[in-house]
Protein backbone atom coordinates (compact mmCIF):
# COMPACT_ATOMS: atom_id res chain seq x y z
CA MET A 1 129.63 51.55 67.07
CA LYS A 2 127.10 52.87 68.89
CA MET A 3 128.73 54.03 72.78
CA GLY A 4 126.79 55.36 75.75
CA CYS A 5 127.09 56.61 79.39
CA SER A 6 125.03 56.52 82.07
CA THR A 7 125.26 58.37 85.60
CA VAL A 8 124.21 57.14 89.20
CA PHE A 9 123.39 60.00 91.69
CA ARG A 10 123.60 58.11 95.13
CA VAL A 11 122.02 60.42 97.66
CA THR A 12 123.45 60.28 100.97
CA THR A 13 122.62 61.06 104.66
CA PRO A 14 124.46 64.09 106.45
CA PRO A 15 126.26 62.68 109.19
CA PHE A 16 124.33 64.86 111.74
CA ALA A 17 120.99 62.88 110.43
CA ARG A 18 122.27 59.42 110.93
CA ALA A 19 123.73 60.53 114.61
CA SER A 20 120.50 62.01 115.38
CA TRP A 21 118.16 58.82 114.82
CA ALA A 22 121.15 57.15 116.05
CA LEU A 23 120.25 58.82 119.45
CA VAL A 24 116.83 58.97 118.98
CA GLY A 25 117.73 54.24 118.57
CA VAL A 26 119.11 54.65 122.25
CA GLY A 27 116.80 56.74 123.51
CA CYS A 28 114.36 53.74 123.00
CA VAL A 29 116.71 51.12 124.42
CA LEU A 30 118.08 52.79 127.71
CA ALA A 31 113.62 53.63 127.59
CA VAL A 32 113.01 49.73 127.45
CA ALA A 33 115.87 49.16 129.96
CA ASN A 34 114.52 51.55 132.33
CA SER A 35 111.21 49.69 132.46
CA PHE A 36 112.47 46.41 133.45
CA ALA A 37 114.85 47.98 135.85
CA LEU A 38 114.64 46.09 138.89
CA SER A 39 116.07 48.88 141.10
CA THR A 40 115.50 52.74 141.86
CA GLN A 41 118.89 52.72 141.74
CA VAL A 42 119.39 51.86 137.70
CA SER A 43 116.62 53.74 136.94
CA SER A 44 117.97 56.79 138.25
CA ALA A 45 121.66 56.13 136.56
CA LEU A 46 119.63 55.78 133.51
CA TYR A 47 117.73 59.20 133.98
CA LEU A 48 120.64 60.94 134.72
CA ILE A 49 122.71 59.88 131.92
CA ALA A 50 119.52 61.03 129.44
CA THR A 51 119.80 64.37 131.30
CA LEU A 52 124.00 64.60 130.78
CA GLN A 53 123.58 63.68 127.05
CA LEU A 54 121.53 66.93 126.34
CA ALA A 55 123.86 69.41 126.72
CA PRO A 56 126.95 68.55 124.28
CA ALA A 57 123.55 67.94 121.69
CA VAL A 58 123.03 71.45 122.65
CA PHE A 59 126.36 72.85 121.69
CA ILE A 60 126.65 70.73 118.36
CA SER A 61 123.42 73.18 117.77
CA VAL A 62 124.90 75.79 118.69
CA ARG A 63 128.43 75.56 117.16
CA LYS A 64 127.13 73.59 113.94
CA HIS A 65 123.47 74.37 112.69
CA ARG A 66 123.74 78.26 114.46
CA PRO A 67 119.05 77.64 114.58
CA ASP A 68 117.12 81.10 114.95
CA ARG A 69 118.60 83.26 118.83
CA ALA A 70 114.98 84.16 119.40
CA ILE A 71 114.50 80.54 120.74
CA TRP A 72 117.29 80.63 122.73
CA PRO A 73 116.48 82.17 125.29
CA THR A 74 113.18 79.72 126.33
CA LEU A 75 114.85 76.85 125.55
CA ILE A 76 118.11 77.31 128.00
CA ALA A 77 115.01 78.32 130.50
CA ILE A 78 112.91 75.87 129.73
CA ALA A 79 116.06 72.99 130.91
CA THR A 80 117.04 74.53 133.85
CA LEU A 81 113.60 75.03 135.24
CA SER A 82 113.10 71.66 134.25
CA ALA A 83 116.78 69.76 136.23
CA VAL A 84 115.44 72.40 139.40
CA ALA A 85 112.13 71.54 139.62
CA GLN A 86 113.27 67.69 138.55
CA LEU A 87 116.26 68.28 141.89
CA LEU A 88 113.96 69.83 144.46
CA ASP A 89 111.03 67.79 143.49
CA GLY A 90 113.01 64.57 145.14
CA SER A 91 114.48 66.98 148.04
CA PHE A 92 111.09 68.41 149.05
CA SER A 93 108.50 64.90 148.37
CA THR A 94 108.78 64.87 152.01
CA ASN A 95 108.09 68.45 152.94
CA PRO A 96 104.32 69.18 152.01
CA GLU A 97 104.45 72.66 152.27
CA LEU A 98 107.72 73.01 150.38
CA GLN A 99 106.49 71.02 147.49
CA ALA A 100 105.08 74.06 146.27
CA ILE A 101 108.32 75.21 145.11
CA PRO A 102 108.93 72.32 142.34
CA GLU A 103 105.09 72.46 141.25
CA SER A 104 105.65 76.12 140.33
CA LEU A 105 108.87 75.34 138.29
CA PHE A 106 106.92 72.53 136.68
CA LEU A 107 104.15 74.78 135.31
CA GLY A 108 106.45 77.48 134.56
CA VAL A 109 108.14 74.75 132.23
CA GLN A 110 104.84 74.18 130.95
CA VAL A 111 104.19 78.00 130.56
CA LEU A 112 107.24 78.17 128.32
CA LEU A 113 106.95 74.92 126.53
CA ALA A 114 103.00 76.33 125.15
CA GLY A 115 104.29 80.33 124.94
CA GLY A 116 107.38 78.49 122.66
CA LEU A 117 104.86 76.92 120.18
CA LEU A 118 103.15 79.62 119.30
CA PHE A 119 105.64 81.73 117.97
CA ILE A 120 107.07 78.49 116.10
CA ILE A 121 103.36 77.74 114.86
CA ARG A 122 103.15 82.35 114.27
CA ARG A 123 106.93 81.64 111.88
CA ARG A 124 106.12 78.50 110.51
CA LEU A 125 102.17 79.61 109.68
CA GLY A 126 101.60 82.30 109.39
CA ASN A 127 98.69 82.45 111.77
CA GLU A 128 97.06 84.72 113.93
CA PRO A 129 98.08 83.26 117.36
CA PHE A 130 95.06 84.22 119.05
CA SER A 131 92.88 81.88 117.58
CA VAL A 132 95.22 78.87 118.44
CA LEU A 133 95.60 80.37 121.71
CA THR A 134 91.50 80.80 122.60
CA ASP A 135 91.54 77.29 120.98
CA GLY A 136 93.33 75.76 122.75
CA LEU A 137 92.57 77.70 125.87
CA ILE A 138 89.06 76.05 125.59
CA VAL A 139 90.65 72.61 125.28
CA ALA A 140 92.95 73.18 128.53
CA LEU A 141 89.66 74.51 130.19
CA GLY A 142 87.71 71.08 130.08
CA ALA A 143 90.62 68.93 129.75
CA TRP A 144 91.77 70.74 133.83
CA PHE A 145 87.78 69.79 134.58
CA LEU A 146 88.67 66.07 133.14
CA ILE A 147 91.99 66.42 134.84
CA TRP A 148 90.47 67.66 138.54
CA ILE A 149 87.80 65.04 138.54
CA ALA A 150 89.75 61.77 137.24
CA PHE A 151 92.89 62.72 138.90
CA LEU A 152 93.04 66.17 141.27
CA GLN A 153 90.34 65.40 143.59
CA PRO A 154 91.23 62.05 144.20
CA VAL A 155 94.51 63.15 145.35
CA SER A 156 93.64 65.32 147.59
CA GLN A 157 91.32 63.13 149.46
CA LEU A 158 94.07 60.30 149.58
CA THR A 159 97.42 63.06 149.99
CA ASP A 160 98.11 64.86 152.95
CA GLN A 161 99.23 67.84 150.00
CA THR A 162 98.54 71.33 150.63
CA LEU A 163 95.89 73.02 148.35
CA LEU A 164 98.30 75.44 146.23
CA VAL A 165 100.07 72.63 145.53
CA THR A 166 96.99 71.41 144.04
CA VAL A 167 96.05 74.29 142.39
CA LEU A 168 99.48 74.32 140.56
CA GLY A 169 99.36 70.97 139.57
CA ALA A 170 96.37 71.14 138.15
CA THR A 171 97.07 74.17 135.64
CA THR A 172 100.47 72.36 135.19
CA LEU A 173 98.35 69.54 133.93
CA GLY A 174 95.79 72.42 131.96
CA ILE A 175 97.85 73.52 130.29
CA SER A 176 99.86 70.55 129.03
CA ALA A 177 96.57 70.64 127.28
CA ILE A 178 97.41 73.91 125.65
CA VAL A 179 100.79 72.56 125.00
CA LEU A 180 99.51 69.12 123.35
CA PHE A 181 96.91 70.99 120.75
CA SER A 182 99.51 73.82 119.80
CA LEU A 183 101.34 70.93 118.86
CA ALA A 184 98.51 69.08 117.03
CA THR A 185 97.75 72.28 114.56
CA LEU A 186 101.65 72.41 114.59
CA LEU A 187 101.82 68.79 112.75
CA PHE A 188 98.25 68.89 111.14
CA GLY A 189 98.73 72.86 109.69
CA ASP A 190 102.57 72.64 108.59
CA GLU A 191 102.87 71.69 104.83
CA ALA A 192 106.84 71.50 105.10
CA ARG A 193 107.09 69.12 108.23
CA SER A 194 110.93 69.00 108.66
CA PRO A 195 112.66 65.75 110.85
CA SER A 196 112.83 68.34 113.79
CA VAL A 197 109.82 69.71 114.12
CA TRP A 198 108.51 65.43 114.05
CA LEU A 199 111.72 65.34 116.94
CA VAL A 200 110.78 68.13 118.92
CA ALA A 201 106.95 66.93 118.64
CA GLY A 202 107.89 63.29 120.09
CA ALA A 203 109.94 65.63 122.69
CA ILE A 204 106.97 67.35 124.35
CA ALA A 205 104.60 63.99 123.75
CA PHE A 206 107.07 62.09 125.83
CA THR A 207 107.00 64.12 128.02
CA LEU A 208 103.43 65.22 128.64
CA LEU A 209 103.02 61.86 128.43
CA GLY A 210 105.26 61.32 131.42
CA ASP A 211 103.19 63.93 133.68
CA PHE A 212 99.97 62.10 132.97
CA MET A 213 101.46 58.44 134.17
CA TYR A 214 102.79 60.06 137.34
CA SER A 215 99.41 61.81 138.21
CA ALA A 216 97.21 58.54 137.67
CA VAL A 217 99.66 56.39 139.71
CA ASP A 218 99.55 59.60 142.57
CA SER A 219 95.69 59.91 141.57
CA GLY A 220 95.29 55.71 142.43
CA ARG A 221 94.03 55.30 138.68
CA ALA A 222 96.85 53.71 138.06
CA ASP A 223 98.86 50.58 139.80
CA PHE A 224 101.45 50.64 137.66
CA SER A 225 105.39 51.53 138.99
CA GLN A 226 106.29 55.32 138.70
CA VAL A 227 109.73 53.87 136.65
CA HIS A 228 107.57 53.45 133.81
CA ALA A 229 106.88 57.13 133.76
CA SER A 230 110.56 57.89 133.85
CA SER A 231 110.83 55.86 130.88
CA ALA A 232 108.85 58.71 129.12
CA TYR A 233 110.94 61.65 130.16
CA ILE A 234 114.45 59.68 129.35
CA LEU A 235 112.78 59.31 125.23
CA CYS A 236 112.04 63.18 125.71
CA LEU A 237 115.49 63.71 126.85
CA PHE A 238 116.58 62.23 123.66
CA PHE A 239 113.96 63.41 121.54
CA ALA A 240 115.07 66.59 122.22
CA SER A 241 118.76 65.93 122.20
CA ALA A 242 118.34 64.28 118.31
CA ALA A 243 116.14 67.27 117.51
CA PHE A 244 119.18 69.53 118.65
CA VAL A 245 121.84 67.20 116.34
CA HIS A 246 119.78 66.95 112.68
CA PRO A 247 120.55 69.87 110.19
CA SER A 248 117.09 71.40 109.86
CA ILE A 249 117.42 72.18 113.29
CA SER A 250 118.23 75.61 111.48
CA THR A 251 114.77 75.73 109.85
CA LEU A 252 112.79 75.54 112.89
CA THR A 253 110.87 78.54 113.06
CA ALA A 254 111.97 78.99 109.49
CA HIS A 255 108.39 80.51 106.89
CA GLY A 256 107.06 76.97 104.98
CA PRO A 257 104.55 77.04 102.49
CA VAL A 258 100.88 78.13 102.92
CA PRO A 259 98.81 74.96 102.73
CA GLN A 260 95.99 75.02 100.36
CA GLN A 261 93.70 73.57 103.36
CA ARG A 262 93.40 75.18 107.12
CA PRO A 263 92.66 72.15 109.33
CA LEU A 264 89.57 73.60 110.65
CA LEU A 265 87.45 70.67 110.81
CA GLY A 266 89.91 68.86 113.44
CA ARG A 267 90.05 71.95 115.19
CA LEU A 268 86.29 72.22 115.70
CA ILE A 269 86.07 68.79 116.24
CA VAL A 270 88.52 69.27 119.30
CA THR A 271 87.33 72.28 120.66
CA THR A 272 83.54 71.25 120.84
CA ALA A 273 84.92 68.08 122.13
CA ALA A 274 86.70 70.02 124.95
CA LEU A 275 83.62 72.25 125.79
CA THR A 276 80.31 69.63 125.50
CA ILE A 277 82.62 66.01 127.46
CA PRO A 278 82.99 68.58 130.28
CA VAL A 279 79.18 69.48 130.20
CA LEU A 280 77.99 65.63 130.25
CA VAL A 281 80.27 64.48 133.12
CA LEU A 282 79.34 67.60 135.04
CA ALA A 283 75.66 66.42 134.41
CA LEU A 284 76.64 62.89 135.26
CA THR A 285 78.52 62.84 137.80
CA ASP A 286 77.50 63.89 141.50
CA PRO A 287 79.85 66.46 143.79
CA ALA A 288 82.01 64.80 146.40
CA ASP A 289 82.07 67.80 148.66
CA ASN A 290 81.28 71.20 148.63
CA SER A 291 85.18 72.10 147.48
CA ASP A 292 84.65 70.26 144.48
CA ARG A 293 81.19 71.87 143.76
CA ALA A 294 82.89 74.75 144.12
CA VAL A 295 85.86 73.94 141.72
CA ARG A 296 83.12 72.31 138.81
CA ALA A 297 81.18 75.88 138.58
CA ILE A 298 84.13 77.96 138.76
CA SER A 299 85.49 75.37 136.21
CA ILE A 300 82.56 75.81 133.96
CA PHE A 301 81.98 79.33 134.55
CA VAL A 302 85.82 80.08 133.00
CA LEU A 303 84.92 77.56 130.08
CA THR A 304 81.58 79.64 129.27
CA ALA A 305 83.29 82.52 129.61
CA ALA A 306 86.32 81.46 127.17
CA VAL A 307 84.11 80.02 124.27
CA THR A 308 82.42 83.51 124.59
CA ALA A 309 85.16 84.86 123.47
CA ARG A 310 86.43 82.97 120.88
CA VAL A 311 82.85 83.31 118.97
CA ILE A 312 83.06 87.10 119.46
CA HIS A 313 86.33 86.50 118.25
CA ALA A 314 85.28 84.77 115.05
CA VAL A 315 82.60 86.40 114.29
CA ARG A 316 84.62 89.98 114.07
CA ALA A 317 87.18 87.92 112.05
CA ASN A 318 84.24 86.07 109.45
CA ALA A 319 82.69 90.48 109.96
CA GLN A 320 86.19 92.08 108.60
CA THR A 321 87.24 89.13 105.98
CA GLN A 322 83.80 90.30 104.60
CA ARG A 323 84.29 94.06 104.74
CA GLU A 324 87.63 93.13 102.84
CA LEU A 325 86.39 90.53 99.91
CA ILE A 326 83.85 93.73 99.50
CA PHE A 327 86.34 96.17 98.71
CA SER A 328 88.38 94.35 96.94
CA ALA A 329 85.29 92.97 94.58
CA GLU A 330 84.12 96.78 94.56
CA THR A 331 87.40 98.98 94.16
CA ASP A 332 90.01 99.30 91.37
CA ALA A 333 92.85 97.46 92.73
CA LEU A 334 95.41 100.44 90.80
CA THR A 335 93.97 103.66 91.96
CA GLY A 336 91.55 102.41 95.06
CA LEU A 337 88.87 104.22 93.32
CA PRO A 338 85.46 102.28 93.11
CA ASN A 339 85.25 100.20 89.64
CA ARG A 340 82.54 99.87 87.23
CA PRO A 341 79.41 97.55 89.17
CA LEU A 342 79.90 99.79 92.61
CA MET A 343 79.87 103.28 90.13
CA LEU A 344 76.94 101.55 88.15
CA THR A 345 75.28 101.01 91.78
CA HIS A 346 75.78 104.86 92.82
CA VAL A 347 74.53 105.99 89.57
CA SER A 348 71.48 104.15 90.39
CA ASN A 349 70.30 105.40 94.04
CA ALA A 350 71.42 108.28 92.68
CA LEU A 351 68.64 108.85 90.57
CA ILE A 352 66.47 107.04 92.69
CA GLY A 353 66.79 109.75 95.88
CA ALA A 354 66.35 112.53 92.27
CA TRP A 355 63.17 111.49 91.65
CA SER A 356 61.75 112.49 95.39
CA GLU A 357 63.89 115.92 95.93
CA SER A 358 64.24 118.68 92.90
CA ARG A 359 68.08 117.22 91.80
CA GLN A 360 69.63 116.28 88.29
CA PRO A 361 72.35 114.16 89.51
CA THR A 362 75.89 114.49 87.49
CA VAL A 363 77.68 112.05 85.26
CA LEU A 364 80.79 113.35 83.56
CA PHE A 365 82.59 111.01 81.42
CA ILE A 366 86.60 111.38 81.14
CA ASP A 367 89.18 109.17 79.36
CA VAL A 368 92.49 110.29 78.87
CA ASP A 369 93.86 111.95 75.77
CA ARG A 370 96.96 109.85 74.08
CA PHE A 371 97.17 106.96 76.98
CA LYS A 372 97.66 103.84 74.39
CA ASN A 373 101.18 106.18 73.28
CA ILE A 374 101.95 106.42 76.55
CA ASN A 375 101.54 102.85 77.60
CA ASP A 376 103.39 101.99 74.15
CA SER A 377 106.08 104.30 74.12
CA LEU A 378 106.92 104.47 78.24
CA GLY A 379 105.94 101.25 78.81
CA HIS A 380 102.42 100.12 81.57
CA GLN A 381 104.02 101.18 84.28
CA ALA A 382 104.83 105.06 82.83
CA GLY A 383 100.90 104.38 82.76
CA ASP A 384 99.95 103.40 85.61
CA ASN A 385 101.84 106.59 87.32
CA VAL A 386 99.35 108.44 84.74
CA LEU A 387 96.51 106.61 86.13
CA VAL A 388 97.66 107.05 89.81
CA ALA A 389 98.26 110.39 89.75
CA VAL A 390 94.83 111.71 87.31
CA SER A 391 92.85 109.85 90.36
CA GLN A 392 95.06 111.91 93.32
CA ARG A 393 94.12 115.16 90.84
CA LEU A 394 90.08 114.67 90.86
CA ARG A 395 90.65 113.61 94.10
CA ASN A 396 92.17 116.66 95.28
CA ALA A 397 90.11 119.03 93.07
CA LEU A 398 86.60 117.65 93.80
CA PRO A 399 84.26 118.66 96.79
CA SER A 400 83.79 116.25 98.99
CA ARG A 401 80.44 114.61 97.59
CA CYS A 402 81.38 113.70 94.53
CA ILE A 403 81.97 110.02 93.68
CA VAL A 404 84.87 109.71 91.56
CA GLY A 405 85.43 105.89 90.11
CA ARG A 406 87.13 103.77 87.42
CA ILE A 407 84.75 102.27 85.40
CA SER A 408 87.97 100.67 82.74
CA GLY A 409 91.87 101.68 81.41
CA ASP A 410 91.86 105.05 80.78
CA GLU A 411 88.24 106.22 81.47
CA PHE A 412 87.01 107.86 84.84
CA VAL A 413 83.72 108.48 85.89
CA VAL A 414 82.32 111.55 88.37
CA LEU A 415 79.00 111.18 90.17
CA ASP A 416 77.96 114.85 91.70
CA ALA A 417 74.72 113.48 93.09
CA GLN A 418 73.40 117.03 94.54
CA THR A 419 73.24 119.00 91.09
CA LYS A 420 70.32 120.84 90.75
CA ASN A 421 70.40 122.41 87.28
CA GLN A 422 72.28 122.45 83.81
CA THR A 423 75.28 125.12 85.38
CA ASP A 424 75.61 123.20 88.09
CA ALA A 425 77.31 120.26 85.97
CA MET A 426 78.63 122.83 83.74
CA LEU A 427 80.41 124.48 86.93
CA LEU A 428 81.87 120.72 87.89
CA ALA A 429 83.23 120.24 84.87
CA ASP A 430 85.10 123.75 84.29
CA ARG A 431 86.51 122.65 87.72
CA ILE A 432 87.78 119.05 86.54
CA LEU A 433 89.48 120.42 83.42
CA GLU A 434 91.01 123.57 85.46
CA SER A 435 93.01 120.42 87.87
CA PHE A 436 94.33 119.28 84.69
CA ASN A 437 95.41 122.77 83.14
């Protein structure tokens, strides 16, 4: 009789993960309902519901998932500034002079978003944030130029906004481009994209979509109700809540696996487009007035300066990488001494130089007696310690003009290109022997 048994493993989704995706579904339903709302009162009520549901999501995240405390000040500041800016924007909509206050708060939200994304990128990808920041700055400046021509310059002629409000709005949209670029870098460069990363990305993407939809309506480039823009904000709030509720929020800033290939081609295409498209637009369009001409000139100048700084940084980084590679290829990893190929180069150069001067370069070969016995009896770690100690003694005993190298396991070479006769060579050898007595 044969008997067999089988075990069935059932993978279950954690309750908070299911609740997270349920919030996404509710947000989509409310966003669609908001788009078809017949009155602004209904739209305002739906937006209020979306705003209020964020608080319990944050409370659950703090109590259950305990995400990195380093990001909490930024998150709280973003939530506070956003709420205050929304309230003041509605209150000061009829007062052009006070409209600069909510615009400043919106600008602060974008700055915090950009800084928070750079922090997450550095934690998860281990990249130096300067390269991401400069590439994002180039994209932002190029986007700012296009935003000025497409949205802001027409708005300045259609409305009675002050110059300060216009500049603040333009800067906010420009930094939004940095946020979008950093978001793309995080998504394309991270091999371990957790659900919380996708949900945070969705929240940021929808808030940027809402900003651009409002700008399109204000500039007259689009003819639809601003209720549709508020639908994007509703989705943003529910995606943010879903990110907080999901258990993977605790690993949002955790360092992930190093990707084998960086998305350099995508970054190159985006940054190149951010440089070339504004230049083409500048060449094909005429400024509307003197202020438009001044804004265009300043924008292109700053964009050129940013590109120049990025090129200088890339050249220096490439040179530093080449120096590190050359040093690694020509240096013994254990002792830090020149290896066999580099020592052969030094000896060859010393012999070539000796032909034109009255010198006789000295090359001394040194090996460690009974080194194999040390390795076999005490282990390789003890043998490595002996080799490091020998290299240190040789460095300390010899003058600075001498070059000490390790050419194989326990074999060292000393080169003195300044000796003139055999007597100098013998004195150098005696000095080495005395250092080991």
